[in-house]
N, C-alpha and C. Protein backbone atom coordinates (compact mmCIF):
# COMPACT_ATOMS: atom_id res chain seq x y z
N MET A 1 0.86 -1.13 -0.13
CA MET A 1 -0.08 0.13 -0.12
C MET A 1 0.81 1.39 0.08
N LEU A 2 1.70 1.07 1.03
CA LEU A 2 2.59 2.56 1.06
C LEU A 2 3.42 2.68 -0.18
N GLN A 3 4.15 1.52 -0.65
CA GLN A 3 4.86 1.82 -2.12
C GLN A 3 3.96 2.42 -3.24
N THR A 4 2.79 1.80 -3.05
CA THR A 4 2.13 2.34 -4.27
C THR A 4 1.86 3.76 -4.09
N HIS A 5 1.24 4.15 -2.86
CA HIS A 5 1.15 5.42 -2.70
C HIS A 5 2.31 6.26 -2.90
N LEU A 6 3.54 5.86 -2.72
CA LEU A 6 4.71 6.93 -2.84
C LEU A 6 5.24 6.45 -4.22
N GLY A 7 4.75 5.64 -5.10
CA GLY A 7 5.33 5.33 -6.02
C GLY A 7 6.68 4.76 -6.59
N THR A 8 7.26 3.94 -5.44
CA THR A 8 7.81 2.82 -5.30
C THR A 8 7.95 1.48 -5.60
N SER A 9 6.74 1.17 -6.26
CA SER A 9 6.21 -0.45 -6.45
C SER A 9 7.52 -0.94 -7.39
N GLU A 10 7.70 -0.46 -8.35
CA GLU A 10 8.53 -0.88 -9.53
C GLU A 10 9.78 -1.15 -8.94
N ARG A 11 10.40 -0.12 -8.32
CA ARG A 11 12.08 -0.15 -7.65
C ARG A 11 11.70 -1.31 -6.75
N ALA A 12 10.64 -1.57 -5.65
CA ALA A 12 10.44 -2.44 -4.70
C ALA A 12 10.59 -3.76 -5.24
N ASP A 13 9.80 -4.35 -6.29
CA ASP A 13 9.71 -5.10 -7.15
C ASP A 13 10.72 -5.94 -7.65
N ALA A 14 11.74 -4.89 -8.25
CA ALA A 14 13.22 -5.33 -8.92
C ALA A 14 14.03 -5.57 -7.36
N PHE A 15 13.92 -4.76 -6.42
CA PHE A 15 15.09 -5.27 -5.31
C PHE A 15 14.15 -6.73 -4.66
N TYR A 16 13.12 -7.03 -4.59
CA TYR A 16 12.78 -8.39 -3.96
C TYR A 16 13.13 -9.65 -5.01
N ASP A 17 13.05 -9.25 -6.35
CA ASP A 17 13.53 -10.39 -7.52
C ASP A 17 14.82 -10.55 -7.29
N ARG A 18 15.89 -9.58 -7.14
CA ARG A 18 17.23 -9.88 -7.42
C ARG A 18 18.05 -9.72 -6.05
N GLN A 19 17.26 -9.20 -4.58
CA GLN A 19 18.00 -9.39 -3.75
C GLN A 19 17.81 -10.21 -2.44
N VAL A 20 16.44 -10.38 -2.65
CA VAL A 20 15.67 -11.29 -1.55
C VAL A 20 16.00 -12.60 -1.57
N HIS A 21 16.28 -13.38 -0.69
CA HIS A 21 16.72 -14.90 -1.00
C HIS A 21 16.00 -15.80 -0.10
N PRO A 22 15.46 -16.72 -0.57
CA PRO A 22 14.61 -17.46 0.27
C PRO A 22 16.03 -18.78 1.40
N HIS A 23 16.97 -18.45 0.99
CA HIS A 23 18.19 -19.13 1.56
C HIS A 23 19.40 -18.13 1.82
N LEU A 24 20.32 -18.73 2.30
CA LEU A 24 21.70 -18.13 2.29
C LEU A 24 22.40 -18.45 1.20
N THR A 25 23.00 -17.40 0.15
CA THR A 25 23.71 -17.75 -0.55
C THR A 25 25.16 -18.06 -0.07
N ALA A 26 26.20 -18.48 -0.92
CA ALA A 26 27.55 -18.95 -0.68
C ALA A 26 28.40 -17.63 -0.08
N ALA A 27 28.10 -16.64 -0.86
CA ALA A 27 28.68 -15.29 -0.33
C ALA A 27 28.04 -14.82 1.12
N MET A 28 26.75 -15.13 1.10
CA MET A 28 26.37 -14.80 2.67
C MET A 28 26.67 -15.63 3.60
N CYS A 29 26.77 -16.60 3.49
CA CYS A 29 27.69 -18.04 4.58
C CYS A 29 29.00 -17.17 5.03
N ASP A 30 29.74 -17.01 3.91
CA ASP A 30 31.06 -16.74 3.97
C ASP A 30 30.89 -14.98 4.68
N PHE A 31 30.40 -14.23 4.47
CA PHE A 31 30.02 -13.12 5.23
C PHE A 31 29.61 -13.07 6.68
N ILE A 32 28.85 -13.97 6.94
CA ILE A 32 28.33 -14.28 8.38
C ILE A 32 29.38 -14.97 9.27
N ARG A 33 30.27 -15.65 8.38
CA ARG A 33 31.34 -16.46 9.29
C ARG A 33 32.54 -15.61 9.28
N ARG A 34 32.45 -14.41 9.14
CA ARG A 34 33.65 -13.24 8.97
C ARG A 34 33.36 -12.30 10.39
N GLN A 35 31.96 -12.39 10.65
CA GLN A 35 31.20 -11.21 11.64
C GLN A 35 31.75 -11.62 13.03
N SER A 36 31.97 -10.63 13.78
CA SER A 36 32.26 -10.72 15.39
C SER A 36 30.74 -10.03 16.17
N MET A 37 29.77 -9.43 15.33
CA MET A 37 29.07 -9.02 16.07
C MET A 37 27.46 -9.05 15.27
N VAL A 38 26.36 -8.91 15.76
CA VAL A 38 25.28 -8.75 15.06
C VAL A 38 24.01 -8.12 15.79
N PHE A 39 23.17 -7.26 15.45
CA PHE A 39 22.22 -6.66 16.15
C PHE A 39 20.96 -7.53 15.60
N LEU A 40 20.06 -7.54 16.57
CA LEU A 40 19.18 -8.51 16.47
C LEU A 40 17.24 -7.97 17.17
N SER A 41 16.77 -8.42 16.81
CA SER A 41 15.02 -7.62 17.18
C SER A 41 14.32 -8.86 17.34
N THR A 42 13.56 -8.82 18.34
CA THR A 42 12.59 -9.76 18.75
C THR A 42 11.19 -9.01 19.28
N ALA A 43 10.64 -9.84 19.71
CA ALA A 43 9.18 -9.10 20.32
C ALA A 43 8.24 -10.19 20.90
N ASP A 44 7.60 -9.41 21.59
CA ASP A 44 6.76 -10.68 22.71
C ASP A 44 5.50 -11.08 22.09
N ALA A 45 4.71 -11.69 22.84
CA ALA A 45 3.34 -12.02 22.33
C ALA A 45 2.35 -10.88 21.98
N ARG A 46 2.75 -9.74 22.69
CA ARG A 46 2.10 -8.33 22.53
C ARG A 46 2.51 -7.55 21.28
N GLY A 47 3.61 -8.07 20.77
CA GLY A 47 4.20 -7.54 19.62
C GLY A 47 5.18 -6.24 20.03
N HIS A 48 5.50 -6.39 21.56
CA HIS A 48 6.34 -4.92 22.30
C HIS A 48 7.61 -5.31 21.54
N CYS A 49 8.40 -4.72 21.00
CA CYS A 49 9.72 -4.99 20.72
C CYS A 49 11.01 -4.87 21.18
N ASP A 50 11.79 -5.42 21.10
CA ASP A 50 13.20 -5.47 21.86
C ASP A 50 14.24 -5.14 20.86
N ALA A 51 15.15 -4.42 20.88
CA ALA A 51 16.50 -4.69 19.94
C ALA A 51 17.98 -4.67 20.79
N THR A 52 18.74 -5.34 20.44
CA THR A 52 20.17 -5.83 21.27
C THR A 52 21.11 -6.13 20.52
N PHE A 53 22.14 -6.43 20.90
CA PHE A 53 23.31 -6.88 20.25
C PHE A 53 24.22 -7.85 20.85
N ARG A 54 24.76 -8.68 19.73
CA ARG A 54 25.62 -9.51 20.43
C ARG A 54 26.92 -9.56 19.87
N ALA A 55 28.00 -9.98 20.42
CA ALA A 55 29.20 -10.04 19.64
C ALA A 55 29.98 -11.16 20.28
N GLY A 56 31.04 -11.66 19.71
CA GLY A 56 31.98 -12.66 20.08
C GLY A 56 33.08 -13.13 18.94
N PRO A 57 33.79 -14.09 18.86
CA PRO A 57 34.65 -14.38 18.16
C PRO A 57 34.31 -14.41 16.66
N PRO A 58 34.93 -14.12 15.68
CA PRO A 58 34.45 -14.33 14.35
C PRO A 58 33.85 -15.56 14.06
N GLY A 59 32.74 -15.52 13.50
CA GLY A 59 31.88 -16.76 13.23
C GLY A 59 30.95 -17.48 14.57
N PHE A 60 30.97 -16.39 15.58
CA PHE A 60 30.20 -17.17 16.78
C PHE A 60 28.72 -17.23 16.45
N VAL A 61 28.26 -16.51 15.33
CA VAL A 61 27.11 -16.86 14.47
C VAL A 61 27.31 -18.02 13.62
N THR A 62 26.74 -19.32 14.04
CA THR A 62 27.32 -20.40 13.33
C THR A 62 26.50 -20.94 12.35
N VAL A 63 26.86 -20.83 10.92
CA VAL A 63 26.14 -21.03 9.91
C VAL A 63 26.07 -22.78 9.62
N LEU A 64 24.54 -23.20 10.19
CA LEU A 64 24.66 -24.62 10.42
C LEU A 64 24.19 -25.22 8.77
N ASP A 65 23.65 -24.27 8.01
CA ASP A 65 23.44 -24.82 6.50
C ASP A 65 23.02 -23.98 6.02
N ASP A 66 22.23 -23.77 4.65
CA ASP A 66 21.96 -22.34 4.05
C ASP A 66 20.70 -21.71 4.29
N ARG A 67 19.85 -22.23 5.32
CA ARG A 67 18.75 -21.82 5.97
C ARG A 67 18.57 -22.02 7.29
N THR A 68 19.70 -22.52 8.08
CA THR A 68 19.84 -22.61 9.52
C THR A 68 21.05 -21.88 10.19
N LEU A 69 20.74 -20.88 11.11
CA LEU A 69 21.73 -20.34 11.91
C LEU A 69 21.58 -20.86 13.42
N ALA A 70 22.77 -20.42 13.95
CA ALA A 70 22.51 -20.60 15.70
C ALA A 70 23.68 -19.84 16.04
N TYR A 71 23.18 -19.29 17.52
CA TYR A 71 24.13 -18.34 18.13
C TYR A 71 24.16 -18.98 19.46
N PRO A 72 25.06 -18.50 20.41
CA PRO A 72 25.03 -19.26 22.20
C PRO A 72 24.59 -17.99 22.89
N GLU A 73 23.82 -18.48 23.95
CA GLU A 73 23.22 -17.49 25.03
C GLU A 73 24.15 -17.75 26.00
N TYR A 74 24.87 -16.58 26.53
CA TYR A 74 25.61 -16.90 27.68
C TYR A 74 24.84 -16.34 29.03
N ARG A 75 25.33 -16.46 30.19
CA ARG A 75 24.85 -16.02 31.47
C ARG A 75 24.83 -14.47 31.51
N GLY A 76 24.20 -13.63 31.74
CA GLY A 76 24.40 -12.16 31.61
C GLY A 76 23.30 -11.84 32.44
N ASN A 77 22.69 -10.75 32.78
CA ASN A 77 22.00 -9.85 33.67
C ASN A 77 20.79 -10.58 34.44
N GLY A 78 20.14 -11.66 33.73
CA GLY A 78 19.22 -12.30 34.25
C GLY A 78 17.54 -11.94 33.69
N VAL A 79 17.81 -10.93 32.99
CA VAL A 79 16.61 -10.42 32.05
C VAL A 79 16.09 -11.49 31.17
N LEU A 80 17.01 -11.68 30.22
CA LEU A 80 16.69 -12.50 28.99
C LEU A 80 15.74 -11.89 28.34
N ALA A 81 15.83 -11.02 27.92
CA ALA A 81 14.74 -10.17 26.95
C ALA A 81 14.85 -10.75 25.70
N SER A 82 15.71 -11.22 25.09
CA SER A 82 15.58 -11.52 23.72
C SER A 82 15.03 -13.17 23.82
N ALA A 83 15.44 -14.11 24.63
CA ALA A 83 15.15 -15.11 24.71
C ALA A 83 13.76 -15.45 25.51
N GLY A 84 13.41 -14.56 26.32
CA GLY A 84 11.81 -14.71 26.81
C GLY A 84 11.04 -14.40 25.65
N ASN A 85 11.14 -13.28 24.82
CA ASN A 85 10.60 -12.87 23.80
C ASN A 85 10.43 -13.90 22.72
N ILE A 86 11.48 -14.90 22.47
CA ILE A 86 11.59 -15.80 21.42
C ILE A 86 10.52 -16.88 22.33
N ALA A 87 10.40 -17.25 23.47
CA ALA A 87 9.72 -18.45 23.87
C ALA A 87 8.03 -18.07 23.76
N GLU A 88 7.78 -16.74 23.66
CA GLU A 88 6.55 -16.27 23.16
C GLU A 88 6.17 -15.90 22.00
N ASN A 89 7.16 -15.77 21.14
CA ASN A 89 6.89 -15.16 19.34
C ASN A 89 8.30 -15.68 18.83
N PRO A 90 8.29 -16.54 18.05
CA PRO A 90 9.28 -17.10 17.31
C PRO A 90 10.14 -16.24 16.50
N HIS A 91 9.22 -15.02 15.91
CA HIS A 91 9.93 -14.01 14.84
C HIS A 91 11.16 -13.28 15.34
N ILE A 92 12.05 -13.22 14.22
CA ILE A 92 13.49 -12.69 14.63
C ILE A 92 14.17 -11.99 13.51
N GLY A 93 14.34 -10.84 13.71
CA GLY A 93 15.40 -10.20 12.52
C GLY A 93 16.68 -10.09 13.15
N LEU A 94 17.60 -10.38 12.43
CA LEU A 94 19.09 -10.05 12.39
C LEU A 94 20.14 -9.12 11.25
N LEU A 95 20.60 -8.29 11.99
CA LEU A 95 21.44 -7.53 10.92
C LEU A 95 22.76 -7.30 11.19
N PHE A 96 23.66 -8.13 10.35
CA PHE A 96 25.17 -8.37 10.16
C PHE A 96 25.81 -6.84 9.68
N MET A 97 26.82 -6.26 10.36
CA MET A 97 27.35 -5.09 9.54
C MET A 97 28.38 -5.08 9.65
N ASP A 98 29.11 -4.80 8.14
CA ASP A 98 30.84 -5.06 8.04
C ASP A 98 31.15 -3.50 8.23
N PHE A 99 31.63 -2.89 9.38
CA PHE A 99 32.19 -1.43 9.36
C PHE A 99 33.34 -1.31 8.83
N THR A 100 34.24 -2.41 8.54
CA THR A 100 35.69 -2.31 8.44
C THR A 100 36.23 -2.76 7.21
N ARG A 101 35.60 -3.69 6.44
CA ARG A 101 36.00 -3.87 5.20
C ARG A 101 35.50 -3.78 3.89
N ASP A 102 34.25 -4.33 4.20
CA ASP A 102 33.44 -4.14 2.74
C ASP A 102 32.56 -2.93 2.91
N HIS A 103 31.82 -2.58 4.21
CA HIS A 103 31.04 -1.78 4.41
C HIS A 103 29.62 -1.72 3.83
N ILE A 104 29.42 -3.19 4.05
CA ILE A 104 27.92 -3.77 3.86
C ILE A 104 27.39 -4.39 4.86
N GLY A 105 25.83 -4.44 4.62
CA GLY A 105 25.34 -5.42 5.74
C GLY A 105 24.38 -6.53 5.22
N LEU A 106 23.90 -7.22 6.09
CA LEU A 106 23.17 -8.16 5.73
C LEU A 106 22.18 -8.31 6.35
N HIS A 107 20.79 -8.19 5.98
CA HIS A 107 19.69 -8.72 6.91
C HIS A 107 19.06 -10.32 7.01
N VAL A 108 18.58 -10.94 7.95
CA VAL A 108 18.22 -11.95 7.80
C VAL A 108 17.31 -12.37 8.78
N ASN A 109 15.77 -12.40 8.19
CA ASN A 109 14.96 -12.84 9.01
C ASN A 109 14.28 -14.29 8.90
N GLY A 110 13.75 -14.63 10.30
CA GLY A 110 13.21 -15.75 10.48
C GLY A 110 12.57 -16.09 11.65
N SER A 111 12.41 -17.52 11.74
CA SER A 111 12.01 -17.80 13.31
C SER A 111 13.05 -18.52 14.15
N ALA A 112 12.97 -18.42 15.38
CA ALA A 112 13.87 -18.70 16.27
C ALA A 112 13.31 -19.79 17.37
N GLN A 113 14.03 -20.82 17.73
CA GLN A 113 13.74 -21.40 18.94
C GLN A 113 14.83 -21.66 19.96
N LEU A 114 14.38 -21.97 21.20
CA LEU A 114 15.73 -22.07 22.04
C LEU A 114 15.64 -23.70 22.52
N LEU A 115 17.11 -23.83 22.42
CA LEU A 115 17.59 -25.30 22.39
C LEU A 115 18.82 -25.18 23.67
N ASN A 116 18.78 -26.16 24.42
CA ASN A 116 19.98 -26.39 25.09
C ASN A 116 21.38 -26.77 24.48
N ASP A 117 22.46 -26.51 24.81
CA ASP A 117 23.99 -26.96 24.50
C ASP A 117 23.81 -28.54 24.06
N GLN A 118 23.66 -29.45 24.70
CA GLN A 118 23.39 -30.77 24.58
C GLN A 118 22.88 -31.10 23.23
N GLU A 119 21.45 -30.55 23.13
CA GLU A 119 20.77 -30.64 21.96
C GLU A 119 21.33 -30.11 20.68
N VAL A 120 22.09 -28.87 20.80
CA VAL A 120 22.49 -28.45 19.35
C VAL A 120 24.06 -29.59 19.18
N ARG A 121 24.63 -29.62 20.18
CA ARG A 121 26.11 -30.15 19.77
C ARG A 121 25.83 -31.89 19.45
N ALA A 122 24.65 -32.41 19.74
CA ALA A 122 24.18 -33.76 19.52
C ALA A 122 23.97 -33.80 17.83
N ALA A 123 23.22 -32.61 17.57
CA ALA A 123 22.69 -32.69 15.94
C ALA A 123 23.93 -32.05 15.17
N HIS A 124 25.01 -31.38 15.85
CA HIS A 124 25.93 -30.72 15.00
C HIS A 124 27.45 -30.89 15.98
N PRO A 125 27.74 -31.84 15.91
CA PRO A 125 28.99 -32.17 17.07
C PRO A 125 30.43 -31.19 16.44
N TRP A 126 30.36 -30.73 15.21
CA TRP A 126 31.37 -30.17 14.68
C TRP A 126 31.52 -28.80 15.26
N ILE A 127 30.50 -28.13 16.07
CA ILE A 127 30.82 -26.86 16.38
C ILE A 127 31.65 -26.91 17.51
N PRO A 128 32.67 -25.90 17.43
CA PRO A 128 33.78 -25.69 18.16
C PRO A 128 33.07 -25.72 19.60
N ALA A 129 33.93 -26.26 20.51
CA ALA A 129 33.43 -26.53 21.93
C ALA A 129 33.45 -25.51 22.68
N ASP A 130 34.39 -24.28 22.36
CA ASP A 130 34.88 -23.07 23.30
C ASP A 130 34.61 -21.80 22.26
N THR A 131 32.88 -21.74 21.95
CA THR A 131 32.74 -20.69 21.06
C THR A 131 33.37 -19.20 21.59
N ALA A 132 33.25 -19.07 22.90
CA ALA A 132 33.79 -17.80 23.50
C ALA A 132 34.82 -18.47 24.99
N PRO A 133 36.09 -18.16 24.54
CA PRO A 133 36.97 -18.62 25.77
C PRO A 133 36.43 -18.30 27.18
N GLY A 134 36.48 -19.34 27.72
CA GLY A 134 36.11 -19.30 29.32
C GLY A 134 34.64 -19.16 29.63
N ARG A 135 33.84 -19.06 28.58
CA ARG A 135 32.45 -18.88 28.73
C ARG A 135 31.48 -20.31 28.30
N HIS A 136 30.41 -20.62 28.81
CA HIS A 136 29.80 -21.70 28.23
C HIS A 136 28.27 -21.38 28.14
N PRO A 137 27.96 -21.61 26.83
CA PRO A 137 26.25 -21.38 26.80
C PRO A 137 25.35 -21.85 27.41
N VAL A 138 24.34 -21.17 27.98
CA VAL A 138 23.36 -21.46 28.84
C VAL A 138 22.35 -22.27 27.88
N LEU A 139 22.35 -21.72 26.67
CA LEU A 139 21.18 -21.93 25.68
C LEU A 139 21.76 -21.57 24.37
N TRP A 140 21.02 -22.07 23.33
CA TRP A 140 21.34 -21.53 21.64
C TRP A 140 20.05 -21.07 21.25
N THR A 141 20.29 -20.02 20.66
CA THR A 141 18.98 -19.61 19.65
C THR A 141 19.44 -20.10 18.26
N TYR A 142 18.35 -21.24 17.95
CA TYR A 142 18.21 -21.90 16.55
C TYR A 142 17.42 -21.08 15.73
N ILE A 143 17.93 -20.75 14.40
CA ILE A 143 17.17 -19.75 13.69
C ILE A 143 16.72 -20.60 12.33
N THR A 144 15.57 -20.57 11.84
CA THR A 144 15.38 -21.35 10.79
C THR A 144 15.11 -19.81 9.66
N LEU A 145 15.74 -19.79 8.62
CA LEU A 145 15.66 -18.56 7.88
C LEU A 145 14.32 -18.38 6.98
N HIS A 146 13.74 -17.45 6.97
CA HIS A 146 12.69 -16.71 6.03
C HIS A 146 13.59 -16.15 4.78
N GLU A 147 14.19 -15.28 4.88
CA GLU A 147 14.73 -14.36 4.15
C GLU A 147 15.73 -13.87 4.33
N ALA A 148 16.73 -13.71 3.27
CA ALA A 148 18.01 -13.11 3.75
C ALA A 148 18.41 -11.87 2.63
N TYR A 149 18.64 -10.61 2.82
CA TYR A 149 18.84 -9.70 1.63
C TYR A 149 19.99 -8.59 1.95
N VAL A 150 20.41 -7.83 1.25
CA VAL A 150 21.59 -6.87 1.41
C VAL A 150 20.96 -5.73 2.14
N HIS A 151 22.02 -4.93 2.96
CA HIS A 151 21.76 -3.89 3.53
C HIS A 151 22.88 -2.84 2.56
N CYS A 152 22.35 -1.70 1.97
CA CYS A 152 23.33 -1.03 1.12
C CYS A 152 24.22 -0.55 2.02
N SER A 153 25.66 0.06 1.29
CA SER A 153 26.63 0.53 2.08
C SER A 153 26.62 2.02 2.14
N LYS A 154 25.85 2.74 1.76
CA LYS A 154 25.37 4.11 2.05
C LYS A 154 24.96 4.39 3.37
N HIS A 155 26.07 5.31 3.99
CA HIS A 155 25.99 5.85 5.21
C HIS A 155 26.56 4.89 6.15
N ILE A 156 26.85 3.57 5.81
CA ILE A 156 27.72 2.82 6.90
C ILE A 156 29.50 3.28 6.88
N PRO A 157 29.29 3.81 8.28
CA PRO A 157 30.67 4.65 8.65
C PRO A 157 31.93 3.45 8.95
N HIS A 158 32.78 4.05 8.74
CA HIS A 158 34.26 2.90 8.32
C HIS A 158 34.79 3.05 10.04
N LEU A 159 34.76 1.69 10.51
CA LEU A 159 35.45 1.55 12.00
C LEU A 159 36.50 0.67 11.93
N GLU A 160 37.63 0.92 12.68
CA GLU A 160 38.69 0.15 12.64
C GLU A 160 38.66 -0.30 14.10
N PRO A 161 38.80 -1.89 14.17
CA PRO A 161 38.80 -2.59 15.32
C PRO A 161 39.97 -2.04 16.30
N ALA A 162 40.08 -2.03 17.80
CA ALA A 162 41.04 -1.51 18.36
C ALA A 162 40.80 -1.85 19.73
N PRO A 163 41.78 -2.08 20.63
CA PRO A 163 41.97 -2.46 21.98
C PRO A 163 40.92 -1.38 22.89
N ARG A 164 40.10 -1.45 23.92
CA ARG A 164 39.54 -0.29 24.89
C ARG A 164 40.80 0.26 25.02
N PRO A 165 41.09 1.71 25.29
CA PRO A 165 41.91 2.23 26.11
C PRO A 165 42.14 1.75 27.74
N LEU A 166 43.28 1.75 27.94
CA LEU A 166 43.48 1.37 29.66
C LEU A 166 43.05 2.55 30.42
N GLY A 167 42.33 2.13 31.34
CA GLY A 167 41.70 2.96 32.32
C GLY A 167 40.43 3.91 32.02
N LEU A 168 40.00 3.50 30.62
CA LEU A 168 38.60 4.55 30.40
C LEU A 168 37.68 3.95 30.92
N ALA A 169 37.44 3.01 31.95
CA ALA A 169 36.35 2.48 32.46
C ALA A 169 36.18 3.23 33.75
N ARG A 170 37.81 3.91 34.32
CA ARG A 170 37.83 4.14 35.67
C ARG A 170 37.03 5.67 35.65
N THR A 171 37.07 6.28 34.35
CA THR A 171 36.44 7.64 34.39
C THR A 171 34.98 7.96 34.25
N ARG A 172 34.39 7.02 34.27
CA ARG A 172 33.03 6.76 33.99
C ARG A 172 31.98 5.91 35.07
N PRO A 173 30.59 6.21 35.29
CA PRO A 173 30.23 5.23 36.41
C PRO A 173 29.99 3.57 35.89
N LYS A 174 29.86 3.01 36.81
CA LYS A 174 29.54 1.53 36.42
C LYS A 174 28.36 0.98 35.63
N ASP A 175 28.58 0.19 34.72
CA ASP A 175 27.44 0.00 34.03
C ASP A 175 26.23 0.08 34.68
N ALA A 176 25.84 -0.66 35.90
CA ALA A 176 24.78 -0.48 36.77
C ALA A 176 24.09 0.22 36.85
N GLU A 177 24.89 1.53 36.95
CA GLU A 177 24.67 2.96 37.41
C GLU A 177 24.76 4.16 36.41
N TYR A 178 25.03 3.54 35.31
CA TYR A 178 25.47 4.30 34.22
C TYR A 178 24.38 5.40 33.68
N PHE A 179 22.87 4.84 33.73
CA PHE A 179 21.89 5.40 33.35
C PHE A 179 20.79 5.60 34.41
N THR A 180 21.12 5.21 35.39
CA THR A 180 20.09 5.26 36.57
C THR A 180 20.01 6.50 37.02
N GLU A 181 18.93 6.95 37.43
CA GLU A 181 18.53 8.03 38.20
C GLU A 181 19.07 8.25 39.80
N PRO A 182 19.69 9.59 40.16
CA PRO A 182 20.35 9.47 41.35
C PRO A 182 19.40 9.01 42.58
N ALA A 183 19.97 8.46 43.41
CA ALA A 183 19.21 7.83 44.59
C ALA A 183 18.49 9.26 45.28
N PRO A 184 17.07 9.07 45.46
CA PRO A 184 16.28 9.85 45.92
C PRO A 184 16.75 10.38 47.43
N VAL A 185 16.53 11.65 47.77
CA VAL A 185 17.28 12.03 48.92
C VAL A 185 16.31 11.48 49.85
N SER A 186 16.89 11.02 51.01
CA SER A 186 15.99 10.32 52.09
C SER A 186 15.71 11.52 53.16
N GLU A 187 14.79 11.18 53.91
CA GLU A 187 14.12 11.90 54.85
C GLU A 187 15.39 12.58 56.01
N GLY A 188 15.55 13.73 56.20
CA GLY A 188 16.59 14.18 57.15
C GLY A 188 17.80 14.47 56.33
N ALA A 189 18.17 14.38 55.30
CA ALA A 189 19.34 14.39 54.40
C ALA A 189 19.82 16.18 54.56
N GLU A 190 18.84 16.81 54.76
CA GLU A 190 19.26 18.24 54.70
C GLU A 190 20.27 18.58 55.91
N TYR A 191 20.39 17.69 56.91
CA TYR A 191 21.03 17.64 57.78
C TYR A 191 22.74 17.10 57.58
N PHE A 192 23.73 18.14 57.77
CA PHE A 192 24.98 17.26 57.65
C PHE A 192 25.52 16.12 58.44
N THR A 193 26.20 15.38 58.13
CA THR A 193 26.52 14.06 59.16
C THR A 193 28.10 14.42 59.44
N GLU A 194 28.84 15.25 58.73
CA GLU A 194 30.16 15.39 59.27
C GLU A 194 30.40 15.88 60.50
N PRO A 195 31.64 15.77 60.98
CA PRO A 195 31.77 16.25 62.56
C PRO A 195 31.33 17.63 62.64
N ALA A 196 30.73 17.96 63.77
CA ALA A 196 30.31 19.42 63.87
C ALA A 196 31.29 20.11 64.61
N PRO A 197 31.63 21.63 64.61
CA PRO A 197 32.54 22.19 65.08
C PRO A 197 32.66 21.98 66.65
N ALA A 198 33.58 22.01 67.37
CA ALA A 198 34.04 21.54 68.39
C ALA A 198 33.20 22.14 69.39
N SER A 199 32.45 23.90 69.35
CA SER A 199 31.71 24.43 70.12
C SER A 199 30.37 23.66 69.98
N VAL A 200 30.06 23.12 69.05
CA VAL A 200 28.38 22.58 69.03
C VAL A 200 28.85 21.13 69.43
N ALA A 201 29.76 20.35 69.39
CA ALA A 201 29.78 19.06 69.45
C ALA A 201 29.77 18.84 71.04
N SER A 202 30.45 19.60 71.67
CA SER A 202 30.85 19.85 73.11
C SER A 202 29.16 19.72 73.72
N GLU A 203 28.47 20.54 73.18
CA GLU A 203 26.87 20.53 73.84
C GLU A 203 26.02 19.31 73.13
N ALA A 204 26.26 19.11 71.84
CA ALA A 204 25.37 18.05 71.30
C ALA A 204 25.65 16.51 71.37
N GLY A 205 26.84 16.61 71.66
CA GLY A 205 27.45 15.20 71.82
C GLY A 205 28.00 14.68 70.07
N PRO A 206 28.77 13.48 70.39
CA PRO A 206 29.33 13.11 68.98
C PRO A 206 28.64 12.34 68.48
N GLY A 207 28.71 13.12 67.01
CA GLY A 207 28.03 12.33 65.63
C GLY A 207 26.61 12.92 65.40
N THR A 208 26.10 13.69 66.31
CA THR A 208 25.05 14.31 66.24
C THR A 208 24.83 14.95 65.11
N PRO A 209 23.81 15.16 63.96
CA PRO A 209 23.79 15.71 62.79
C PRO A 209 23.38 17.28 63.36
N TRP A 210 24.01 18.37 62.64
CA TRP A 210 23.94 19.93 62.68
C TRP A 210 23.48 20.54 61.61
N LEU A 211 23.08 21.67 61.79
CA LEU A 211 22.50 22.41 60.56
C LEU A 211 23.40 23.10 60.15
């Protein structure tokens, strides 16, 4: 409807015919195996959306075949927003972005299910045992592909991988406090609690708040 209203139907049809695939091409598989990050979107049963980010060693999103992907879920903050959504609504969208070499992206849309580590490895024993050194998957997100298509290079910035600067985290709040509101002022906080002047302390006693 919107394409017709804006007069883009012909261009859209050409894009669908040439770029949208019901399976991963060989070039798409190679592209995913090189990627160390992916953006993904899910929604709960009511359609409320969530967007998030995953990262790992190159190829941490495993290409099982030309219609199936899987990535590990590790222990995190316990919210399980994406996995919780998938448990209610299997639809998932992934966006792989190459910011460094080819400056291009790949969309993958499909349906997902949650499997435990033993199930995935029983079916695919060749998956590396240590996909992220020192971490063990709690679950795997197993994705059956519906469509895959290019994200054009226009406006994709160039980024160079680099180690984090030493000491950078010391100059900012901790993750758990970065976006939180300041703690509310408790009743009586208008009083100072540092030691009172000697002339006051001698009358009020040690540790007594003073105006």
